Amino acid sequence: MYVKSLDLLDFRNYEKASLSFSPGINIFYGANAQGKTNILEAVYMAGTSRSHRGARDKDMIRIGAEESHIRMHVDKKGNDYRIDMHLKKSRAKGIAVGGVPIRRAAELFGIVNMIFFSPEDLNIIKNGPAERRRFIDIVLSGIDSIYLNDLMQYSRCLTQRNKLLHDLYANPSLIRELSVWDDMLVSFGAKIIKKRAEFISELADIVAENHRSLTGGAEEINVSYEPNTAADVFYDALSSARDVDRKMKTTTKGPHRDDISLKIGDMDIRTFGSQGQQRTAALSLKLSEITVMEKKIKDRPVLLLDDVLSELDRDRQNFLLSSIKDIQTMITCTGLDEFVRNNFHADSVFHVVRGGIE
């Protein structure tokens, strides 16, 4: 699988741009704030319907324009897929695949599989459980449409239950409605917990192998799942926490409070690891995403690396670059020194200057 081309109209700082990509390594270099990341954002947006930065549709429309258009062609096992995305300031985005409009963004699932890696991901270990849950959900949602649906339903139920807990303060008679949301929350949440447990069990061996390579065998990392509650006792946990939930006006039990444990020996890297150990663990975790996705989709994903090399030392740069040789990769950077120093071959090189590309 690879992205063949990208056409932009009034997207971010691009009035108009047309790009053709190599199936191999594509490098975008230039000074900061020129529009390199915007290219990667457009590719990710067309493939997933969302910005990796969490930006709203209207914020991605070029200043002075009312609408923005993205068109992307993807080659998947010899078949051409055309994805068109129409961003609007005051209405929901329009999406079409092969010229046929789709109703829900979830219908894009399975067409393009992408992995986005930015400097922020190197903080996944020390930034707290929310970042690690986000990692799990992004990977699993990209390879399992049922998990994605369960996660969306769980999120809606959680929002409604939390609203009810807040409303109970003024209207205690609403307590009888709590059981309805508990049943729905457990229905979707138990499936999420089971899928996460299976996923992290599989992931652990891959992360450990990456970590051994990165440290030259000097360190052994152990990755395990830390569920907030087990699937088979989720309902009991919710019931036991009702008084606490009512006081705090929020749901304190469930997979929305899960975490991943990462240890070297008895040392918890999340709390006591050095910055180098935390970054090595984060890199091992992100690179494992490639292996997991290849196994699940029986194809190679598209890898988007946004200014990651500048955050790594030479050994980690070498390991990362050696890991991506058989995958279509789009890399942004301020200069080409890292590639020259590592004798790295690029298939296409683009110079980005103020929304212009050479």
Foldseek 3Di string as FASTA:
>chain_A
DAWAKKWKDQFALANTDIDGADQFFEEEAADPPQCQVSVVQLVVCQQQVAGPVRDDLLNGGHPPDFKMKMWIWDQDVNDIKIWIWIGGNPDDIWIDIPNHTDDDSLVSAPVAAEAEAEQVLLCLLQPDFQSQVVLLLSLCVNQPVVLVVLVVQLVVLQVVLLVLLVVCVVPVVCVVVNVVSLVSNLVSQQVNQVVSQVVQVVLQVQLQVQLCVLVVNPWGKGKHKFAQDHSVCQSVVQVVCVVVCSVVSHRDHTRSRIGMFIDTVPDTCNPPNDSVVSSSSSLSNSLSSQVVNCVRSVDGHEYEYEANLVVDDLSSNLSVLVSRRNGHYYYYHHDCVSCVVNVHDGPHYWYGGNNDID
